[in-house]
Amino acid sequence: MPPLAAAAIERELSQLAAGWHLMADGTAIMREFRFRDFYRTMSFVNAVAHVANIENHHPDLEVGYNLCRVRYSTHAIGGLSENDFICAAQVDAIPAD
């Protein structure tokens, strides 16, 4: 399966919550989530991990005291697939604070 074309990526991206953006190289989408404290950050990370295991599609996470950056890409095809956007929408459904 080839990566999604630019027009499909823009269409899918427009359906996600505000904050998701296409990375400069065009092969991944990313969103930063901010929290009041470390506990809430880690609760969110654990919820993202649960979604990832259910979907068998795992994002790259960057975690700090009060932030988590979530990045989706389908490494097997070297770009974005529909599954990246499905998982991003599921992450959007997780309460962020």
N, C-alpha and C. Protein backbone atom coordinates (compact mmCIF):
# COMPACT_ATOMS: atom_id res chain seq x y z
N MET A 1 0.85 -1.17 0.00
CA MET A 1 0.00 0.00 0.00
C MET A 1 0.90 1.24 0.00
N PRO A 2 0.65 2.19 -0.91
CA PRO A 2 1.44 3.42 -0.93
C PRO A 2 0.96 4.41 0.12
N PRO A 3 1.80 5.37 0.50
CA PRO A 3 1.36 6.42 1.43
C PRO A 3 0.24 7.25 0.80
N LEU A 4 -0.54 7.90 1.65
CA LEU A 4 -1.60 8.78 1.16
C LEU A 4 -1.00 9.93 0.34
N ALA A 5 -1.74 10.34 -0.67
CA ALA A 5 -1.34 11.49 -1.49
C ALA A 5 -1.60 12.78 -0.71
N ALA A 6 -0.99 13.87 -1.16
CA ALA A 6 -1.09 15.15 -0.46
C ALA A 6 -2.54 15.60 -0.29
N ALA A 7 -3.37 15.44 -1.30
CA ALA A 7 -4.77 15.87 -1.21
C ALA A 7 -5.52 15.07 -0.15
N ALA A 8 -5.27 13.77 -0.08
CA ALA A 8 -5.91 12.92 0.93
C ALA A 8 -5.43 13.29 2.33
N ILE A 9 -4.16 13.60 2.46
CA ILE A 9 -3.61 14.00 3.76
C ILE A 9 -4.30 15.28 4.24
N GLU A 10 -4.41 16.27 3.37
CA GLU A 10 -5.07 17.53 3.75
C GLU A 10 -6.52 17.31 4.14
N ARG A 11 -7.22 16.46 3.40
CA ARG A 11 -8.62 16.16 3.71
C ARG A 11 -8.74 15.49 5.09
N GLU A 12 -7.90 14.50 5.34
CA GLU A 12 -7.93 13.79 6.63
C GLU A 12 -7.52 14.72 7.77
N LEU A 13 -6.52 15.54 7.55
CA LEU A 13 -6.03 16.46 8.57
C LEU A 13 -7.11 17.47 8.96
N SER A 14 -7.91 17.89 8.00
CA SER A 14 -8.97 18.87 8.28
C SER A 14 -10.08 18.29 9.16
N GLN A 15 -10.15 16.98 9.26
CA GLN A 15 -11.18 16.34 10.07
C GLN A 15 -10.74 16.09 11.51
N LEU A 16 -9.47 16.33 11.80
CA LEU A 16 -8.97 16.16 13.16
C LEU A 16 -9.16 17.43 13.97
N ALA A 17 -9.04 17.31 15.28
CA ALA A 17 -9.11 18.47 16.16
C ALA A 17 -7.97 19.43 15.85
N ALA A 18 -8.19 20.69 16.20
CA ALA A 18 -7.15 21.71 16.00
C ALA A 18 -5.88 21.28 16.73
N GLY A 19 -4.76 21.62 16.15
CA GLY A 19 -3.48 21.32 16.78
C GLY A 19 -2.66 20.29 16.03
N TRP A 20 -3.31 19.40 15.29
CA TRP A 20 -2.57 18.43 14.49
C TRP A 20 -1.99 19.15 13.28
N HIS A 21 -0.75 18.83 12.95
CA HIS A 21 -0.16 19.41 11.76
C HIS A 21 0.75 18.40 11.08
N LEU A 22 0.96 18.63 9.81
CA LEU A 22 1.83 17.79 9.01
C LEU A 22 3.27 18.20 9.27
N MET A 23 4.12 17.24 9.53
CA MET A 23 5.53 17.52 9.75
C MET A 23 6.16 17.99 8.43
N ALA A 24 7.25 18.72 8.53
CA ALA A 24 7.88 19.34 7.37
C ALA A 24 8.23 18.34 6.26
N ASP A 25 8.60 17.12 6.64
CA ASP A 25 8.97 16.14 5.61
C ASP A 25 7.75 15.47 4.97
N GLY A 26 6.54 15.76 5.49
CA GLY A 26 5.31 15.23 4.91
C GLY A 26 5.02 13.77 5.21
N THR A 27 5.79 13.16 6.11
CA THR A 27 5.60 11.73 6.37
C THR A 27 4.96 11.44 7.72
N ALA A 28 4.59 12.47 8.47
CA ALA A 28 4.02 12.25 9.80
C ALA A 28 3.12 13.43 10.19
N ILE A 29 2.20 13.15 11.11
CA ILE A 29 1.40 14.21 11.72
C ILE A 29 1.74 14.25 13.20
N MET A 30 1.63 15.45 13.79
CA MET A 30 2.02 15.62 15.19
C MET A 30 1.08 16.61 15.86
N ARG A 31 0.87 16.38 17.15
CA ARG A 31 0.13 17.32 17.99
C ARG A 31 0.77 17.33 19.36
N GLU A 32 0.81 18.51 19.97
CA GLU A 32 1.33 18.66 21.33
C GLU A 32 0.15 18.87 22.28
N PHE A 33 0.16 18.12 23.36
CA PHE A 33 -0.85 18.23 24.41
C PHE A 33 -0.16 18.76 25.67
N ARG A 34 -0.79 19.71 26.34
CA ARG A 34 -0.23 20.30 27.57
C ARG A 34 -1.14 19.97 28.75
N PHE A 35 -0.51 19.82 29.93
CA PHE A 35 -1.23 19.42 31.14
C PHE A 35 -0.79 20.27 32.33
N ARG A 36 -1.56 20.17 33.41
CA ARG A 36 -1.26 20.95 34.61
C ARG A 36 -0.10 20.38 35.41
N ASP A 37 0.11 19.07 35.31
CA ASP A 37 1.16 18.45 36.13
C ASP A 37 1.58 17.10 35.53
N PHE A 38 2.59 16.52 36.12
CA PHE A 38 3.15 15.27 35.63
C PHE A 38 2.15 14.12 35.72
N TYR A 39 1.38 14.07 36.78
CA TYR A 39 0.40 13.00 36.95
C TYR A 39 -0.59 12.97 35.79
N ARG A 40 -1.12 14.14 35.42
CA ARG A 40 -2.08 14.21 34.31
C ARG A 40 -1.41 13.86 32.97
N THR A 41 -0.17 14.28 32.83
CA THR A 41 0.57 13.94 31.62
C THR A 41 0.69 12.42 31.49
N MET A 42 1.10 11.77 32.56
CA MET A 42 1.30 10.32 32.51
C MET A 42 -0.02 9.56 32.37
N SER A 43 -1.09 10.09 32.93
CA SER A 43 -2.40 9.47 32.74
C SER A 43 -2.78 9.49 31.26
N PHE A 44 -2.51 10.62 30.61
CA PHE A 44 -2.78 10.74 29.17
C PHE A 44 -1.90 9.76 28.38
N VAL A 45 -0.62 9.70 28.72
CA VAL A 45 0.30 8.79 28.03
C VAL A 45 -0.20 7.35 28.15
N ASN A 46 -0.65 6.96 29.33
CA ASN A 46 -1.15 5.60 29.51
C ASN A 46 -2.41 5.36 28.69
N ALA A 47 -3.26 6.36 28.56
CA ALA A 47 -4.47 6.22 27.73
C ALA A 47 -4.08 6.08 26.25
N VAL A 48 -3.09 6.86 25.81
CA VAL A 48 -2.62 6.74 24.43
C VAL A 48 -2.04 5.34 24.20
N ALA A 49 -1.29 4.83 25.16
CA ALA A 49 -0.73 3.49 25.05
C ALA A 49 -1.83 2.43 24.93
N HIS A 50 -2.91 2.62 25.65
CA HIS A 50 -4.04 1.69 25.57
C HIS A 50 -4.64 1.70 24.17
N VAL A 51 -4.88 2.88 23.62
CA VAL A 51 -5.40 3.00 22.25
C VAL A 51 -4.44 2.33 21.27
N ALA A 52 -3.15 2.59 21.43
CA ALA A 52 -2.15 2.03 20.52
C ALA A 52 -2.16 0.51 20.53
N ASN A 53 -2.31 -0.07 21.71
CA ASN A 53 -2.33 -1.53 21.80
C ASN A 53 -3.59 -2.11 21.20
N ILE A 54 -4.72 -1.46 21.40
CA ILE A 54 -5.97 -1.94 20.81
C ILE A 54 -5.89 -1.88 19.29
N GLU A 55 -5.37 -0.79 18.76
CA GLU A 55 -5.31 -0.59 17.31
C GLU A 55 -4.09 -1.26 16.66
N ASN A 56 -3.14 -1.70 17.49
CA ASN A 56 -1.88 -2.25 17.00
C ASN A 56 -1.19 -1.27 16.04
N HIS A 57 -1.22 0.00 16.45
CA HIS A 57 -0.57 1.06 15.68
C HIS A 57 -0.03 2.06 16.70
N HIS A 58 1.27 2.15 16.77
CA HIS A 58 1.92 2.83 17.89
C HIS A 58 2.57 4.14 17.46
N PRO A 59 2.21 5.24 18.13
CA PRO A 59 2.80 6.53 17.80
C PRO A 59 4.17 6.68 18.45
N ASP A 60 4.91 7.66 17.98
CA ASP A 60 6.10 8.10 18.69
C ASP A 60 5.64 9.14 19.70
N LEU A 61 6.09 9.01 20.93
CA LEU A 61 5.71 9.93 22.00
C LEU A 61 6.95 10.63 22.53
N GLU A 62 6.79 11.92 22.80
CA GLU A 62 7.82 12.69 23.49
C GLU A 62 7.14 13.23 24.74
N VAL A 63 7.66 12.86 25.90
CA VAL A 63 6.98 13.17 27.16
C VAL A 63 7.87 14.03 28.05
N GLY A 64 7.27 15.07 28.60
CA GLY A 64 7.93 15.94 29.57
C GLY A 64 7.04 16.11 30.78
N TYR A 65 7.42 16.97 31.69
CA TYR A 65 6.66 17.16 32.92
C TYR A 65 5.20 17.47 32.66
N ASN A 66 4.93 18.41 31.77
CA ASN A 66 3.54 18.81 31.55
C ASN A 66 3.17 18.83 30.07
N LEU A 67 3.86 18.00 29.26
CA LEU A 67 3.49 17.94 27.85
C LEU A 67 3.74 16.56 27.29
N CYS A 68 3.00 16.27 26.23
CA CYS A 68 3.20 15.04 25.47
C CYS A 68 3.01 15.38 24.00
N ARG A 69 4.01 15.10 23.21
CA ARG A 69 3.91 15.25 21.76
C ARG A 69 3.63 13.87 21.18
N VAL A 70 2.58 13.79 20.38
CA VAL A 70 2.17 12.53 19.76
C VAL A 70 2.41 12.66 18.26
N ARG A 71 3.15 11.72 17.71
CA ARG A 71 3.46 11.75 16.28
C ARG A 71 3.09 10.41 15.65
N TYR A 72 2.28 10.47 14.61
CA TYR A 72 1.87 9.27 13.88
C TYR A 72 2.47 9.25 12.49
N SER A 73 2.92 8.08 12.09
CA SER A 73 3.41 7.80 10.75
C SER A 73 3.36 6.28 10.58
N THR A 74 3.21 5.84 9.37
CA THR A 74 3.23 4.40 9.11
C THR A 74 4.60 4.07 8.52
N HIS A 75 5.48 3.60 9.37
CA HIS A 75 6.87 3.38 8.98
C HIS A 75 7.00 2.36 7.85
N ALA A 76 6.12 1.36 7.83
CA ALA A 76 6.20 0.30 6.82
C ALA A 76 6.02 0.83 5.40
N ILE A 77 5.32 1.95 5.25
CA ILE A 77 5.11 2.52 3.91
C ILE A 77 5.86 3.83 3.72
N GLY A 78 6.55 4.28 4.75
CA GLY A 78 7.33 5.50 4.65
C GLY A 78 6.51 6.76 4.52
N GLY A 79 5.36 6.78 5.14
CA GLY A 79 4.49 7.96 5.06
C GLY A 79 3.25 7.78 5.89
N LEU A 80 2.19 8.44 5.48
CA LEU A 80 0.94 8.42 6.23
C LEU A 80 -0.08 7.49 5.59
N SER A 81 -0.82 6.79 6.46
CA SER A 81 -1.91 5.93 6.03
C SER A 81 -3.19 6.40 6.71
N GLU A 82 -4.30 5.88 6.27
CA GLU A 82 -5.58 6.21 6.90
C GLU A 82 -5.57 5.85 8.38
N ASN A 83 -4.88 4.79 8.73
CA ASN A 83 -4.81 4.35 10.12
C ASN A 83 -4.19 5.40 11.03
N ASP A 84 -3.24 6.18 10.52
CA ASP A 84 -2.65 7.26 11.32
C ASP A 84 -3.72 8.26 11.75
N PHE A 85 -4.60 8.59 10.83
CA PHE A 85 -5.65 9.57 11.11
C PHE A 85 -6.75 8.99 12.01
N ILE A 86 -7.04 7.71 11.84
CA ILE A 86 -8.01 7.04 12.72
C ILE A 86 -7.50 7.06 14.16
N CYS A 87 -6.24 6.71 14.33
CA CYS A 87 -5.66 6.70 15.68
C CYS A 87 -5.56 8.11 16.26
N ALA A 88 -5.21 9.08 15.44
CA ALA A 88 -5.14 10.47 15.92
C ALA A 88 -6.51 10.92 16.41
N ALA A 89 -7.57 10.56 15.70
CA ALA A 89 -8.93 10.92 16.12
C ALA A 89 -9.27 10.25 17.45
N GLN A 90 -8.82 9.04 17.65
CA GLN A 90 -9.06 8.36 18.92
C GLN A 90 -8.30 9.03 20.06
N VAL A 91 -7.10 9.50 19.79
CA VAL A 91 -6.33 10.24 20.80
C VAL A 91 -7.05 11.54 21.13
N ASP A 92 -7.64 12.19 20.13
CA ASP A 92 -8.40 13.42 20.38
C ASP A 92 -9.56 13.19 21.34
N ALA A 93 -10.08 11.98 21.36
CA ALA A 93 -11.23 11.66 22.23
C ALA A 93 -10.82 11.46 23.69
N ILE A 94 -9.52 11.35 23.97
CA ILE A 94 -9.04 11.19 25.34
C ILE A 94 -9.10 12.55 26.04
N PRO A 95 -9.74 12.62 27.19
CA PRO A 95 -9.75 13.91 27.91
C PRO A 95 -8.31 14.37 28.19
N ALA A 96 -8.02 15.60 27.81
CA ALA A 96 -6.64 16.10 27.95
C ALA A 96 -6.40 16.86 29.24
N ASP A 97 -7.40 16.97 30.11
CA ASP A 97 -7.15 17.60 31.41
C ASP A 97 -8.34 17.47 32.31
